N, C-alpha and C. Protein backbone atom coordinates (compact mmCIF):
# COMPACT_ATOMS: atom_id res chain seq x y z
N MET A 1 141.75 126.72 83.86
CA MET A 1 142.96 127.51 83.90
C MET A 1 143.98 126.89 82.94
N THR A 2 144.65 127.71 82.22
CA THR A 2 145.64 127.21 81.27
C THR A 2 146.95 126.93 81.99
N HIS A 3 147.90 126.41 81.23
CA HIS A 3 149.23 126.15 81.81
C HIS A 3 149.87 127.44 82.29
N LEU A 4 149.65 128.51 81.55
CA LEU A 4 150.21 129.80 81.95
C LEU A 4 149.59 130.27 83.26
N GLY A 5 148.32 130.02 83.45
CA GLY A 5 147.66 130.38 84.70
C GLY A 5 148.24 129.65 85.90
N TYR A 6 148.50 128.35 85.72
CA TYR A 6 149.11 127.58 86.79
C TYR A 6 150.52 128.08 87.08
N LEU A 7 151.24 128.42 86.06
CA LEU A 7 152.60 128.93 86.22
C LEU A 7 152.61 130.26 86.96
N ILE A 8 151.74 131.16 86.57
CA ILE A 8 151.65 132.47 87.23
C ILE A 8 151.19 132.30 88.68
N ALA A 9 150.20 131.45 88.90
CA ALA A 9 149.71 131.22 90.26
C ALA A 9 150.80 130.62 91.14
N GLY A 10 151.53 129.67 90.61
CA GLY A 10 152.61 129.04 91.38
C GLY A 10 153.69 130.04 91.77
N TRP A 11 154.13 130.82 90.81
CA TRP A 11 155.15 131.83 91.09
C TRP A 11 154.61 132.89 92.03
N GLY A 12 153.39 133.30 91.81
CA GLY A 12 152.79 134.34 92.66
C GLY A 12 152.67 133.90 94.11
N ILE A 13 152.17 132.70 94.31
CA ILE A 13 152.04 132.18 95.68
C ILE A 13 153.41 132.03 96.33
N SER A 14 154.38 131.53 95.58
CA SER A 14 155.72 131.36 96.13
C SER A 14 156.33 132.70 96.53
N LEU A 15 156.19 133.70 95.68
CA LEU A 15 156.76 135.01 95.99
C LEU A 15 156.07 135.66 97.17
N VAL A 16 154.77 135.50 97.28
CA VAL A 16 154.04 136.07 98.42
C VAL A 16 154.48 135.41 99.72
N VAL A 17 154.64 134.09 99.71
CA VAL A 17 155.07 133.38 100.92
C VAL A 17 156.48 133.80 101.32
N ILE A 18 157.40 133.90 100.35
CA ILE A 18 158.77 134.32 100.65
C ILE A 18 158.78 135.76 101.18
N PHE A 19 158.02 136.64 100.57
CA PHE A 19 157.94 138.03 101.01
C PHE A 19 157.40 138.12 102.44
N ALA A 20 156.36 137.35 102.75
CA ALA A 20 155.80 137.35 104.11
C ALA A 20 156.82 136.83 105.12
N TYR A 21 157.60 135.83 104.74
CA TYR A 21 158.63 135.29 105.63
C TYR A 21 159.72 136.33 105.89
N VAL A 22 160.14 137.04 104.87
CA VAL A 22 161.16 138.08 105.02
C VAL A 22 160.65 139.19 105.94
N ILE A 23 159.41 139.59 105.75
CA ILE A 23 158.83 140.63 106.60
C ILE A 23 158.78 140.16 108.05
N SER A 24 158.40 138.91 108.28
CA SER A 24 158.35 138.41 109.66
C SER A 24 159.75 138.34 110.27
N LEU A 25 160.76 138.00 109.47
CA LEU A 25 162.13 137.98 109.98
C LEU A 25 162.60 139.37 110.38
N PHE A 26 162.30 140.38 109.56
CA PHE A 26 162.70 141.74 109.88
C PHE A 26 161.99 142.24 111.14
N ARG A 27 160.72 141.94 111.28
CA ARG A 27 159.98 142.36 112.47
C ARG A 27 160.56 141.71 113.72
N ARG A 28 160.86 140.41 113.63
CA ARG A 28 161.43 139.71 114.79
C ARG A 28 162.81 140.25 115.12
N ALA A 29 163.61 140.54 114.11
CA ALA A 29 164.96 141.06 114.33
C ALA A 29 164.90 142.43 115.00
N ARG A 30 163.98 143.27 114.58
CA ARG A 30 163.85 144.60 115.21
C ARG A 30 163.41 144.49 116.66
N SER A 31 162.57 143.52 116.98
CA SER A 31 162.10 143.39 118.35
C SER A 31 163.17 142.79 119.27
N VAL A 32 164.06 141.98 118.72
CA VAL A 32 165.09 141.32 119.51
C VAL A 32 166.37 142.15 119.59
N ALA A 33 166.61 143.03 118.65
CA ALA A 33 167.86 143.79 118.57
C ALA A 33 168.22 144.57 119.83
N PRO A 34 167.27 145.21 120.52
CA PRO A 34 167.66 145.94 121.73
C PRO A 34 168.21 145.06 122.86
N ARG A 35 167.94 143.76 122.81
CA ARG A 35 168.41 142.86 123.87
C ARG A 35 169.83 142.37 123.65
N VAL A 36 170.43 142.70 122.52
CA VAL A 36 171.81 142.26 122.24
C VAL A 36 172.76 143.13 123.06
N PRO A 37 173.72 142.52 123.76
CA PRO A 37 174.67 143.31 124.54
C PRO A 37 175.47 144.26 123.64
N LEU A 38 175.89 145.39 124.20
CA LEU A 38 176.60 146.41 123.41
C LEU A 38 177.87 145.86 122.76
N ASP A 39 178.59 144.99 123.45
CA ASP A 39 179.84 144.48 122.89
C ASP A 39 179.61 143.44 121.79
N ARG A 40 178.37 142.96 121.64
CA ARG A 40 178.06 141.97 120.61
C ARG A 40 177.31 142.57 119.42
N GLN A 41 176.99 143.87 119.47
CA GLN A 41 176.25 144.50 118.37
C GLN A 41 177.15 144.68 117.16
N ARG A 42 176.54 144.66 115.99
CA ARG A 42 177.28 144.92 114.77
C ARG A 42 177.58 146.41 114.67
N TRP A 43 178.56 146.75 113.88
CA TRP A 43 178.98 148.15 113.79
C TRP A 43 177.90 149.04 113.21
N MET A 44 177.04 148.50 112.35
CA MET A 44 176.00 149.33 111.73
C MET A 44 174.89 149.69 112.71
N THR A 45 174.61 148.83 113.67
CA THR A 45 173.51 149.07 114.60
C THR A 45 174.00 149.53 115.96
N SER A 46 175.28 149.65 116.14
CA SER A 46 175.82 150.07 117.43
C SER A 46 175.48 151.53 117.71
N SER A 47 175.19 151.83 118.96
CA SER A 47 174.85 153.20 119.33
C SER A 47 176.09 154.03 119.64
N GLU A 48 177.26 153.44 119.62
CA GLU A 48 178.49 154.16 119.95
C GLU A 48 178.99 154.98 118.78
């Protein structure tokens, strides 16, 4: 593998790991959001 191959592989692996982490954060946030009390919800997600 050339230097460019290592560079592309490094960036690719890093971006995939970051993307997977972001997806897991969004999934966890969606599952926990209904348990937040109404007076503590943000204005964008409030049902009022």
